[in-house]
Amino acid sequence: MNSSLSRHFILSDDYLVSLPYYLPMTANTPPNAAHHDAWRQTHLGRLIGHALRRFDARVLQLMARNVDVPLALSNLAARDQVSAAHVHITRHLSLRGDRLGDLAERAGMTKQAMGTLVDQCEAWGLVARGPDPHDARARCVRFTPTGLAWLGAFQGAVAQAEAEFRAEVGNEVAAVVAIGLETYAGGNNPV
């Protein structure tokens, strides 16, 4: 097991368990005791959030260095002007184009917030708004040729970041993480 993991986790029969969850709480222990606060730093949601931020930052770093990314966009990424929020468009906009509301819903954002991101990406030449072929009253957001180049660079950067993840944690752990996250993301929360 990775030495940094072994300091925080134990193998208990069939499960890998975070140590802070095993710290006993007694009636005499003040609720703000440091060892009882550790769960806030190590719970699964926080770890997933940190991992996502690290992954997105690495993808943007790789894109900033990619010679296939248009220079202006590469410079924006290098100066941290392109954020993980902008990656939502890259992840969620279909190749055929989408209405703003549909794009926002898939990205888990409000229509207003997605509209702001689309405005920025349109100014950068990544996307363009045009008529919806199915509804003359509606508008669709579509990738431009520059946006498609950005999407290709995004695909390569994601592949590189995933390879780095597998190299760091091992192929077996990476496979289990991917399967577990896919299963969890596809499930329904209890009501």
N, C-alpha and C. Protein backbone atom coordinates (compact mmCIF):
# COMPACT_ATOMS: atom_id res chain seq x y z
N MET A 1 0.85 -1.18 0.00
CA MET A 1 0.00 0.00 0.00
C MET A 1 0.89 1.24 0.00
N ASN A 2 0.48 2.26 -0.70
CA ASN A 2 1.18 3.53 -0.76
C ASN A 2 1.41 4.03 0.67
N SER A 3 2.64 4.48 0.99
CA SER A 3 2.95 4.86 2.37
C SER A 3 2.12 6.04 2.85
N SER A 4 1.76 6.97 1.96
CA SER A 4 0.91 8.08 2.41
C SER A 4 -0.49 7.59 2.71
N LEU A 5 -0.97 6.56 2.00
CA LEU A 5 -2.27 6.00 2.29
C LEU A 5 -2.25 5.22 3.60
N SER A 6 -1.16 4.51 3.85
CA SER A 6 -1.12 3.65 5.02
C SER A 6 -1.18 4.45 6.32
N ARG A 7 -0.84 5.72 6.29
CA ARG A 7 -0.93 6.55 7.50
C ARG A 7 -2.37 6.93 7.80
N HIS A 8 -3.25 6.87 6.81
CA HIS A 8 -4.61 7.34 6.98
C HIS A 8 -5.66 6.25 6.93
N PHE A 9 -5.28 5.05 6.49
CA PHE A 9 -6.26 4.00 6.29
C PHE A 9 -5.77 2.70 6.89
N ILE A 10 -6.72 1.85 7.27
CA ILE A 10 -6.38 0.50 7.72
C ILE A 10 -7.22 -0.48 6.91
N LEU A 11 -6.71 -1.67 6.76
CA LEU A 11 -7.46 -2.72 6.08
C LEU A 11 -8.16 -3.52 7.17
N SER A 12 -9.48 -3.48 7.20
CA SER A 12 -10.25 -4.17 8.22
C SER A 12 -11.04 -5.28 7.55
N ASP A 13 -10.60 -6.52 7.71
CA ASP A 13 -11.18 -7.68 7.05
C ASP A 13 -11.29 -7.43 5.55
N ASP A 14 -12.45 -7.01 5.09
CA ASP A 14 -12.65 -6.86 3.64
C ASP A 14 -12.68 -5.41 3.19
N TYR A 15 -12.49 -4.43 4.07
CA TYR A 15 -12.69 -3.05 3.70
C TYR A 15 -11.48 -2.18 4.06
N LEU A 16 -11.23 -1.21 3.21
CA LEU A 16 -10.25 -0.18 3.51
C LEU A 16 -11.01 0.93 4.22
N VAL A 17 -10.62 1.26 5.44
CA VAL A 17 -11.40 2.17 6.27
C VAL A 17 -10.53 3.33 6.71
N SER A 18 -11.09 4.53 6.65
CA SER A 18 -10.37 5.72 7.10
C SER A 18 -10.24 5.69 8.62
N LEU A 19 -9.03 5.91 9.12
CA LEU A 19 -8.78 5.86 10.57
C LEU A 19 -9.60 6.86 11.38
N PRO A 20 -9.78 8.11 10.93
CA PRO A 20 -10.52 9.04 11.78
C PRO A 20 -11.93 8.58 12.13
N TYR A 21 -12.54 7.71 11.33
CA TYR A 21 -13.87 7.22 11.66
C TYR A 21 -13.85 6.25 12.84
N TYR A 22 -12.67 5.72 13.19
CA TYR A 22 -12.56 4.78 14.28
C TYR A 22 -12.18 5.43 15.61
N LEU A 23 -12.02 6.73 15.63
CA LEU A 23 -11.67 7.40 16.88
C LEU A 23 -12.90 7.43 17.77
N PRO A 24 -12.80 6.89 18.97
CA PRO A 24 -13.97 6.82 19.85
C PRO A 24 -14.33 8.19 20.43
N MET A 25 -15.59 8.46 20.55
CA MET A 25 -16.05 9.69 21.15
C MET A 25 -16.73 9.31 22.47
N THR A 26 -16.34 9.95 23.55
CA THR A 26 -16.92 9.66 24.85
C THR A 26 -17.75 10.85 25.30
N ALA A 27 -18.54 10.65 26.33
CA ALA A 27 -19.37 11.73 26.85
C ALA A 27 -18.52 12.86 27.42
N ASN A 28 -17.29 12.56 27.86
CA ASN A 28 -16.42 13.57 28.44
C ASN A 28 -15.56 14.30 27.42
N THR A 29 -15.60 13.87 26.17
CA THR A 29 -14.76 14.49 25.15
C THR A 29 -15.47 15.72 24.59
N PRO A 30 -14.79 16.87 24.64
CA PRO A 30 -15.42 18.06 24.06
C PRO A 30 -15.62 17.86 22.57
N PRO A 31 -16.76 18.31 22.02
CA PRO A 31 -17.06 18.08 20.61
C PRO A 31 -16.06 18.75 19.67
N ASN A 32 -15.32 19.73 20.15
CA ASN A 32 -14.37 20.41 19.27
C ASN A 32 -12.95 19.85 19.38
N ALA A 33 -12.79 18.72 20.03
CA ALA A 33 -11.47 18.13 20.16
C ALA A 33 -10.91 17.85 18.77
N ALA A 34 -9.61 18.10 18.63
CA ALA A 34 -8.97 17.99 17.31
C ALA A 34 -9.17 16.63 16.66
N HIS A 35 -9.04 15.58 17.46
CA HIS A 35 -9.16 14.25 16.84
C HIS A 35 -10.58 13.94 16.40
N HIS A 36 -11.56 14.64 16.95
CA HIS A 36 -12.94 14.43 16.53
C HIS A 36 -13.28 15.30 15.32
N ASP A 37 -12.43 16.22 15.03
CA ASP A 37 -12.64 17.12 13.89
C ASP A 37 -11.99 16.56 12.63
N ALA A 38 -11.18 15.54 12.75
CA ALA A 38 -10.43 15.00 11.61
C ALA A 38 -11.34 14.49 10.50
N TRP A 39 -12.53 14.00 10.84
CA TRP A 39 -13.43 13.46 9.82
C TRP A 39 -13.78 14.50 8.77
N ARG A 40 -13.79 15.78 9.16
CA ARG A 40 -14.14 16.83 8.18
C ARG A 40 -13.08 16.97 7.11
N GLN A 41 -11.85 16.58 7.41
CA GLN A 41 -10.76 16.68 6.45
C GLN A 41 -10.60 15.43 5.60
N THR A 42 -11.17 14.31 6.05
CA THR A 42 -10.89 13.04 5.37
C THR A 42 -12.14 12.33 4.85
N HIS A 43 -13.31 12.95 4.95
CA HIS A 43 -14.49 12.23 4.47
C HIS A 43 -14.48 12.14 2.95
N LEU A 44 -15.19 11.20 2.43
CA LEU A 44 -15.15 10.86 1.01
C LEU A 44 -15.49 12.05 0.11
N GLY A 45 -16.50 12.82 0.46
CA GLY A 45 -16.87 13.97 -0.37
C GLY A 45 -15.74 14.98 -0.51
N ARG A 46 -15.06 15.24 0.59
CA ARG A 46 -13.94 16.18 0.55
C ARG A 46 -12.78 15.63 -0.28
N LEU A 47 -12.49 14.35 -0.11
CA LEU A 47 -11.42 13.73 -0.88
C LEU A 47 -11.73 13.74 -2.38
N ILE A 48 -12.97 13.44 -2.73
CA ILE A 48 -13.38 13.48 -4.14
C ILE A 48 -13.25 14.91 -4.67
N GLY A 49 -13.68 15.89 -3.88
CA GLY A 49 -13.56 17.29 -4.29
C GLY A 49 -12.11 17.70 -4.53
N HIS A 50 -11.23 17.34 -3.61
CA HIS A 50 -9.80 17.65 -3.77
C HIS A 50 -9.23 16.97 -5.01
N ALA A 51 -9.60 15.71 -5.20
CA ALA A 51 -9.11 14.97 -6.36
C ALA A 51 -9.60 15.61 -7.66
N LEU A 52 -10.85 16.04 -7.69
CA LEU A 52 -11.39 16.68 -8.89
C LEU A 52 -10.67 17.99 -9.18
N ARG A 53 -10.45 18.80 -8.14
CA ARG A 53 -9.73 20.06 -8.35
C ARG A 53 -8.31 19.82 -8.85
N ARG A 54 -7.64 18.82 -8.27
CA ARG A 54 -6.28 18.49 -8.72
C ARG A 54 -6.30 18.01 -10.17
N PHE A 55 -7.24 17.16 -10.50
CA PHE A 55 -7.34 16.61 -11.85
C PHE A 55 -7.61 17.74 -12.85
N ASP A 56 -8.61 18.58 -12.57
CA ASP A 56 -8.94 19.69 -13.48
C ASP A 56 -7.77 20.65 -13.64
N ALA A 57 -7.07 20.95 -12.55
CA ALA A 57 -5.91 21.85 -12.63
C ALA A 57 -4.83 21.24 -13.53
N ARG A 58 -4.62 19.94 -13.40
CA ARG A 58 -3.62 19.28 -14.25
C ARG A 58 -4.04 19.30 -15.71
N VAL A 59 -5.31 19.05 -15.98
CA VAL A 59 -5.81 19.10 -17.37
C VAL A 59 -5.58 20.50 -17.95
N LEU A 60 -5.93 21.53 -17.21
CA LEU A 60 -5.74 22.90 -17.71
C LEU A 60 -4.26 23.22 -17.89
N GLN A 61 -3.41 22.71 -17.00
CA GLN A 61 -1.97 22.92 -17.13
C GLN A 61 -1.45 22.26 -18.41
N LEU A 62 -1.90 21.05 -18.68
CA LEU A 62 -1.49 20.36 -19.91
C LEU A 62 -2.00 21.08 -21.15
N MET A 63 -3.20 21.61 -21.07
CA MET A 63 -3.75 22.34 -22.22
C MET A 63 -2.99 23.63 -22.47
N ALA A 64 -2.53 24.26 -21.41
CA ALA A 64 -1.78 25.51 -21.56
C ALA A 64 -0.46 25.26 -22.27
N ARG A 65 0.07 24.04 -22.15
CA ARG A 65 1.36 23.70 -22.78
C ARG A 65 1.19 23.03 -24.14
N ASN A 66 -0.04 22.77 -24.55
CA ASN A 66 -0.31 22.02 -25.77
C ASN A 66 -0.18 22.93 -26.99
N VAL A 67 0.68 22.56 -27.93
CA VAL A 67 0.91 23.38 -29.12
C VAL A 67 -0.28 23.35 -30.07
N ASP A 68 -1.19 22.38 -29.92
CA ASP A 68 -2.37 22.30 -30.77
C ASP A 68 -3.50 23.21 -30.30
N VAL A 69 -3.39 23.73 -29.09
CA VAL A 69 -4.39 24.68 -28.59
C VAL A 69 -4.07 26.04 -29.19
N PRO A 70 -5.07 26.73 -29.75
CA PRO A 70 -4.79 28.06 -30.28
C PRO A 70 -4.08 28.93 -29.25
N LEU A 71 -3.09 29.68 -29.71
CA LEU A 71 -2.20 30.43 -28.82
C LEU A 71 -2.95 31.31 -27.82
N ALA A 72 -3.96 32.02 -28.27
CA ALA A 72 -4.70 32.90 -27.36
C ALA A 72 -5.33 32.10 -26.23
N LEU A 73 -5.89 30.93 -26.55
CA LEU A 73 -6.51 30.10 -25.52
C LEU A 73 -5.46 29.48 -24.61
N SER A 74 -4.34 29.09 -25.19
CA SER A 74 -3.25 28.55 -24.39
C SER A 74 -2.75 29.60 -23.39
N ASN A 75 -2.64 30.83 -23.84
CA ASN A 75 -2.22 31.92 -22.95
C ASN A 75 -3.24 32.16 -21.84
N LEU A 76 -4.53 32.09 -22.18
CA LEU A 76 -5.56 32.25 -21.15
C LEU A 76 -5.45 31.14 -20.11
N ALA A 77 -5.25 29.92 -20.57
CA ALA A 77 -5.12 28.78 -19.63
C ALA A 77 -3.86 28.94 -18.78
N ALA A 78 -2.77 29.37 -19.39
CA ALA A 78 -1.51 29.54 -18.66
C ALA A 78 -1.61 30.61 -17.59
N ARG A 79 -2.44 31.63 -17.82
CA ARG A 79 -2.60 32.72 -16.85
C ARG A 79 -3.79 32.49 -15.92
N ASP A 80 -4.28 31.26 -15.88
CA ASP A 80 -5.40 30.88 -15.00
C ASP A 80 -6.67 31.68 -15.29
N GLN A 81 -6.85 32.11 -16.54
CA GLN A 81 -8.08 32.79 -16.93
C GLN A 81 -9.17 31.78 -17.29
N VAL A 82 -8.75 30.59 -17.68
CA VAL A 82 -9.68 29.50 -17.95
C VAL A 82 -9.74 28.67 -16.68
N SER A 83 -10.93 28.50 -16.16
CA SER A 83 -11.07 27.78 -14.89
C SER A 83 -11.78 26.45 -15.12
N ALA A 84 -11.86 25.70 -14.05
CA ALA A 84 -12.59 24.43 -14.11
C ALA A 84 -14.04 24.67 -14.50
N ALA A 85 -14.60 25.82 -14.17
CA ALA A 85 -15.97 26.13 -14.57
C ALA A 85 -16.10 26.14 -16.08
N HIS A 86 -15.09 26.67 -16.78
CA HIS A 86 -15.14 26.69 -18.23
C HIS A 86 -15.04 25.28 -18.81
N VAL A 87 -14.44 24.38 -18.06
CA VAL A 87 -14.33 23.01 -18.50
C VAL A 87 -15.72 22.36 -18.58
N HIS A 88 -16.68 22.89 -17.81
CA HIS A 88 -18.05 22.35 -17.88
C HIS A 88 -18.59 22.39 -19.31
N ILE A 89 -18.30 23.45 -20.02
CA ILE A 89 -18.76 23.53 -21.41
C ILE A 89 -18.08 22.45 -22.23
N THR A 90 -16.79 22.28 -22.03
CA THR A 90 -16.04 21.26 -22.77
C THR A 90 -16.57 19.87 -22.46
N ARG A 91 -16.93 19.62 -21.22
CA ARG A 91 -17.42 18.29 -20.83
C ARG A 91 -18.85 18.03 -21.29
N HIS A 92 -19.68 19.06 -21.33
CA HIS A 92 -21.11 18.83 -21.45
C HIS A 92 -21.74 19.26 -22.78
N LEU A 93 -21.10 20.10 -23.56
CA LEU A 93 -21.68 20.54 -24.83
C LEU A 93 -21.55 19.41 -25.85
N SER A 94 -22.67 18.99 -26.42
CA SER A 94 -22.63 17.91 -27.41
C SER A 94 -22.08 18.45 -28.72
N LEU A 95 -21.60 17.56 -29.55
CA LEU A 95 -21.02 17.96 -30.83
C LEU A 95 -22.08 18.53 -31.78
N ARG A 96 -23.34 18.17 -31.60
CA ARG A 96 -24.40 18.70 -32.45
C ARG A 96 -24.90 20.07 -31.96
N GLY A 97 -24.52 20.44 -30.74
CA GLY A 97 -24.97 21.71 -30.16
C GLY A 97 -26.13 21.48 -29.21
N ASP A 98 -26.33 22.43 -28.31
CA ASP A 98 -27.38 22.30 -27.30
C ASP A 98 -27.97 23.66 -26.98
N ARG A 99 -29.20 23.62 -26.52
CA ARG A 99 -29.80 24.83 -25.96
C ARG A 99 -29.12 25.12 -24.63
N LEU A 100 -29.07 26.39 -24.30
CA LEU A 100 -28.40 26.83 -23.08
C LEU A 100 -28.97 26.13 -21.84
N GLY A 101 -30.27 26.03 -21.74
CA GLY A 101 -30.89 25.38 -20.57
C GLY A 101 -30.51 23.92 -20.44
N ASP A 102 -30.46 23.21 -21.57
CA ASP A 102 -30.08 21.80 -21.54
C ASP A 102 -28.62 21.65 -21.12
N LEU A 103 -27.77 22.52 -21.65
CA LEU A 103 -26.35 22.50 -21.30
C LEU A 103 -26.17 22.77 -19.81
N ALA A 104 -26.88 23.76 -19.30
CA ALA A 104 -26.79 24.11 -17.87
C ALA A 104 -27.25 22.94 -17.00
N GLU A 105 -28.33 22.30 -17.39
CA GLU A 105 -28.85 21.18 -16.61
C GLU A 105 -27.84 20.03 -16.54
N ARG A 106 -27.24 19.68 -17.68
CA ARG A 106 -26.25 18.60 -17.70
C ARG A 106 -25.03 18.94 -16.86
N ALA A 107 -24.66 20.21 -16.83
CA ALA A 107 -23.48 20.64 -16.07
C ALA A 107 -23.80 20.87 -14.60
N GLY A 108 -25.08 20.82 -14.23
CA GLY A 108 -25.46 21.06 -12.84
C GLY A 108 -25.32 22.52 -12.44
N MET A 109 -25.59 23.41 -13.38
CA MET A 109 -25.46 24.85 -13.15
C MET A 109 -26.78 25.54 -13.43
N THR A 110 -26.91 26.77 -12.95
CA THR A 110 -28.09 27.55 -13.32
C THR A 110 -27.92 28.01 -14.77
N LYS A 111 -29.04 28.31 -15.38
CA LYS A 111 -29.01 28.80 -16.76
C LYS A 111 -28.25 30.12 -16.83
N GLN A 112 -28.43 30.97 -15.83
CA GLN A 112 -27.74 32.27 -15.79
C GLN A 112 -26.22 32.08 -15.69
N ALA A 113 -25.76 31.18 -14.81
CA ALA A 113 -24.32 30.94 -14.67
C ALA A 113 -23.75 30.35 -15.96
N MET A 114 -24.47 29.42 -16.57
CA MET A 114 -23.99 28.84 -17.82
C MET A 114 -23.98 29.91 -18.91
N GLY A 115 -24.96 30.80 -18.90
CA GLY A 115 -24.98 31.89 -19.89
C GLY A 115 -23.74 32.75 -19.79
N THR A 116 -23.30 33.03 -18.59
CA THR A 116 -22.07 33.81 -18.38
C THR A 116 -20.86 33.07 -18.95
N LEU A 117 -20.77 31.76 -18.68
CA LEU A 117 -19.66 30.98 -19.22
C LEU A 117 -19.70 30.91 -20.75
N VAL A 118 -20.90 30.75 -21.30
CA VAL A 118 -21.03 30.72 -22.75
C VAL A 118 -20.62 32.06 -23.34
N ASP A 119 -21.00 33.16 -22.70
CA ASP A 119 -20.58 34.49 -23.18
C ASP A 119 -19.07 34.59 -23.25
N GLN A 120 -18.38 34.13 -22.19
CA GLN A 120 -16.92 34.18 -22.17
C GLN A 120 -16.33 33.28 -23.25
N CYS A 121 -16.85 32.06 -23.36
CA CYS A 121 -16.33 31.12 -24.36
C CYS A 121 -16.63 31.60 -25.78
N GLU A 122 -17.74 32.29 -25.95
CA GLU A 122 -18.05 32.87 -27.26
C GLU A 122 -17.07 33.99 -27.59
N ALA A 123 -16.73 34.81 -26.61
CA ALA A 123 -15.76 35.89 -26.82
C ALA A 123 -14.38 35.32 -27.15
N TRP A 124 -14.05 34.16 -26.63
CA TRP A 124 -12.77 33.53 -26.90
C TRP A 124 -12.77 32.74 -28.21
N GLY A 125 -13.95 32.61 -28.82
CA GLY A 125 -14.05 31.90 -30.09
C GLY A 125 -14.22 30.39 -29.96
N LEU A 126 -14.54 29.90 -28.77
CA LEU A 126 -14.73 28.46 -28.57
C LEU A 126 -16.09 27.99 -29.03
N VAL A 127 -17.10 28.81 -28.81
CA VAL A 127 -18.47 28.45 -29.15
C VAL A 127 -19.13 29.61 -29.87
N ALA A 128 -20.24 29.29 -30.53
CA ALA A 128 -21.06 30.32 -31.17
C ALA A 128 -22.52 29.96 -30.93
N ARG A 129 -23.33 30.98 -30.84
CA ARG A 129 -24.78 30.77 -30.73
C ARG A 129 -25.37 30.87 -32.13
N GLY A 130 -26.32 30.01 -32.39
CA GLY A 130 -26.98 30.03 -33.69
C GLY A 130 -28.39 29.51 -33.55
N PRO A 131 -29.13 29.52 -34.65
CA PRO A 131 -30.53 29.06 -34.59
C PRO A 131 -30.63 27.57 -34.27
N ASP A 132 -31.67 27.22 -33.56
CA ASP A 132 -31.96 25.82 -33.26
C ASP A 132 -32.72 25.25 -34.47
N PRO A 133 -32.22 24.19 -35.08
CA PRO A 133 -32.89 23.66 -36.27
C PRO A 133 -34.27 23.08 -35.98
N HIS A 134 -34.59 22.81 -34.72
CA HIS A 134 -35.87 22.22 -34.35
C HIS A 134 -36.88 23.24 -33.84
N ASP A 135 -36.44 24.45 -33.53
CA ASP A 135 -37.33 25.47 -32.98
C ASP A 135 -36.78 26.84 -33.37
N ALA A 136 -37.48 27.50 -34.26
CA ALA A 136 -37.01 28.79 -34.79
C ALA A 136 -36.89 29.86 -33.70
N ARG A 137 -37.61 29.68 -32.59
CA ARG A 137 -37.55 30.68 -31.51
C ARG A 137 -36.34 30.49 -30.61
N ALA A 138 -35.75 29.30 -30.64
CA ALA A 138 -34.66 28.97 -29.71
C ALA A 138 -33.30 29.14 -30.38
N ARG A 139 -32.27 29.23 -29.54
CA ARG A 139 -30.89 29.34 -30.00
C ARG A 139 -30.11 28.14 -29.46
N CYS A 140 -29.11 27.73 -30.22
CA CYS A 140 -28.24 26.62 -29.83
C CYS A 140 -26.82 27.12 -29.67
N VAL A 141 -26.11 26.51 -28.75
CA VAL A 141 -24.69 26.78 -28.56
C VAL A 141 -23.95 25.63 -29.25
N ARG A 142 -22.96 25.98 -30.09
CA ARG A 142 -22.19 24.96 -30.81
C ARG A 142 -20.70 25.29 -30.73
N PHE A 143 -19.88 24.25 -30.80
CA PHE A 143 -18.44 24.46 -30.90
C PHE A 143 -18.11 25.11 -32.24
N THR A 144 -17.16 26.02 -32.24
CA THR A 144 -16.59 26.57 -33.46
C THR A 144 -15.43 25.66 -33.87
N PRO A 145 -14.81 25.88 -35.03
CA PRO A 145 -13.61 25.10 -35.36
C PRO A 145 -12.52 25.25 -34.30
N THR A 146 -12.37 26.45 -33.75
CA THR A 146 -11.41 26.66 -32.66
C THR A 146 -11.83 25.86 -31.43
N GLY A 147 -13.12 25.84 -31.15
CA GLY A 147 -13.64 25.06 -30.03
C GLY A 147 -13.42 23.57 -30.20
N LEU A 148 -13.54 23.09 -31.44
CA LEU A 148 -13.28 21.67 -31.69
C LEU A 148 -11.80 21.34 -31.49
N ALA A 149 -10.91 22.28 -31.85
CA ALA A 149 -9.48 22.08 -31.56
C ALA A 149 -9.24 22.04 -30.06
N TRP A 150 -9.92 22.93 -29.33
CA TRP A 150 -9.85 22.95 -27.86
C TRP A 150 -10.34 21.61 -27.31
N LEU A 151 -11.44 21.10 -27.86
CA LEU A 151 -12.00 19.83 -27.40
C LEU A 151 -11.01 18.69 -27.64
N GLY A 152 -10.33 18.69 -28.78
CA GLY A 152 -9.31 17.67 -29.06
C GLY A 152 -8.16 17.75 -28.06
N ALA A 153 -7.74 18.96 -27.75
CA ALA A 153 -6.67 19.14 -26.75
C ALA A 153 -7.15 18.71 -25.38
N PHE A 154 -8.40 18.97 -25.07
CA PHE A 154 -8.98 18.55 -23.80
C PHE A 154 -8.96 17.03 -23.69
N GLN A 155 -9.33 16.34 -24.76
CA GLN A 155 -9.32 14.88 -24.77
C GLN A 155 -7.91 14.35 -24.50
N GLY A 156 -6.93 14.93 -25.15
CA GLY A 156 -5.54 14.50 -24.93
C GLY A 156 -5.07 14.79 -23.52
N ALA A 157 -5.44 15.95 -22.98
CA ALA A 157 -5.04 16.32 -21.62
C ALA A 157 -5.69 15.40 -20.59
N VAL A 158 -6.96 15.06 -20.80
CA VAL A 158 -7.64 14.14 -19.89
C VAL A 158 -6.97 12.77 -19.92
N ALA A 159 -6.63 12.29 -21.12
CA ALA A 159 -5.95 10.99 -21.24
C ALA A 159 -4.61 11.01 -20.51
N GLN A 160 -3.86 12.11 -20.64
CA GLN A 160 -2.57 12.24 -19.96
C GLN A 160 -2.76 12.29 -18.44
N ALA A 161 -3.73 13.07 -17.96
CA ALA A 161 -3.99 13.17 -16.52
C ALA A 161 -4.44 11.82 -15.96
N GLU A 162 -5.26 11.09 -16.71
CA GLU A 162 -5.67 9.76 -16.26
C GLU A 162 -4.47 8.80 -16.20
N ALA A 163 -3.59 8.88 -17.18
CA ALA A 163 -2.38 8.03 -17.17
C ALA A 163 -1.51 8.36 -15.96
N GLU A 164 -1.39 9.64 -15.64
CA GLU A 164 -0.62 10.05 -14.46
C GLU A 164 -1.27 9.54 -13.18
N PHE A 165 -2.59 9.58 -13.12
CA PHE A 165 -3.32 9.05 -11.97
C PHE A 165 -3.03 7.55 -11.81
N ARG A 166 -3.14 6.80 -12.91
CA ARG A 166 -2.87 5.36 -12.86
C ARG A 166 -1.43 5.08 -12.43
N ALA A 167 -0.49 5.88 -12.91
CA ALA A 167 0.91 5.70 -12.53
C ALA A 167 1.12 5.97 -11.04
N GLU A 168 0.39 6.93 -10.49
CA GLU A 168 0.55 7.30 -9.08
C GLU A 168 -0.08 6.29 -8.13
N VAL A 169 -1.29 5.79 -8.47
CA VAL A 169 -2.01 4.92 -7.53
C VAL A 169 -1.98 3.45 -7.95
N GLY A 170 -1.54 3.15 -9.15
CA GLY A 170 -1.52 1.78 -9.66
C GLY A 170 -2.77 1.49 -10.47
N ASN A 171 -2.62 0.59 -11.44
CA ASN A 171 -3.73 0.28 -12.34
C ASN A 171 -4.92 -0.34 -11.62
N GLU A 172 -4.66 -1.21 -10.63
CA GLU A 172 -5.75 -1.88 -9.94
C GLU A 172 -6.59 -0.88 -9.14
N VAL A 173 -5.92 0.00 -8.41
CA VAL A 173 -6.64 1.00 -7.62
C VAL A 173 -7.39 1.95 -8.55
N ALA A 174 -6.75 2.36 -9.64
CA ALA A 174 -7.40 3.26 -10.60
C ALA A 174 -8.65 2.62 -11.18
N ALA A 175 -8.60 1.33 -11.48
CA ALA A 175 -9.77 0.64 -12.02
C ALA A 175 -10.90 0.59 -10.99
N VAL A 176 -10.56 0.30 -9.74
CA VAL A 176 -11.57 0.24 -8.69
C VAL A 176 -12.18 1.62 -8.47
N VAL A 177 -11.35 2.66 -8.45
CA VAL A 177 -11.85 4.03 -8.28
C VAL A 177 -12.81 4.37 -9.42
N ALA A 178 -12.41 4.09 -10.65
CA ALA A 178 -13.26 4.41 -11.81
C ALA A 178 -14.59 3.68 -11.75
N ILE A 179 -14.54 2.39 -11.45
CA ILE A 179 -15.78 1.60 -11.37
C ILE A 179 -16.66 2.11 -10.22
N GLY A 180 -16.05 2.36 -9.08
CA GLY A 180 -16.82 2.84 -7.93
C GLY A 180 -17.46 4.20 -8.19
N LEU A 181 -16.70 5.12 -8.77
CA LEU A 181 -17.25 6.45 -9.04
C LEU A 181 -18.34 6.39 -10.10
N GLU A 182 -18.15 5.56 -11.12
CA GLU A 182 -19.17 5.41 -12.16
C GLU A 182 -20.47 4.86 -11.56
N THR A 183 -20.35 3.86 -10.70
CA THR A 183 -21.51 3.28 -10.05
C THR A 183 -22.20 4.29 -9.16
N TYR A 184 -21.41 4.97 -8.34
CA TYR A 184 -21.98 5.95 -7.41
C TYR A 184 -22.63 7.11 -8.16
N ALA A 185 -21.97 7.62 -9.19
CA ALA A 185 -22.50 8.76 -9.95
C ALA A 185 -23.80 8.39 -10.67
N GLY A 186 -23.94 7.14 -11.05
CA GLY A 186 -25.14 6.71 -11.76
C GLY A 186 -26.29 6.33 -10.85
N GLY A 187 -26.04 6.28 -9.56
CA GLY A 187 -27.08 5.88 -8.61
C GLY A 187 -27.98 7.03 -8.23
N ASN A 188 -28.98 6.71 -7.46
CA ASN A 188 -29.93 7.72 -6.98
C ASN A 188 -29.73 7.91 -5.49
N ASN A 189 -29.83 9.16 -5.06
CA ASN A 189 -29.76 9.44 -3.63
C ASN A 189 -31.08 9.05 -2.98
N PRO A 190 -31.03 8.47 -1.79
CA PRO A 190 -32.28 8.16 -1.10
C PRO A 190 -33.05 9.43 -0.77
N VAL A 191 -34.33 9.32 -0.78
CA VAL A 191 -35.19 10.48 -0.52
C VAL A 191 -35.32 10.75 0.95
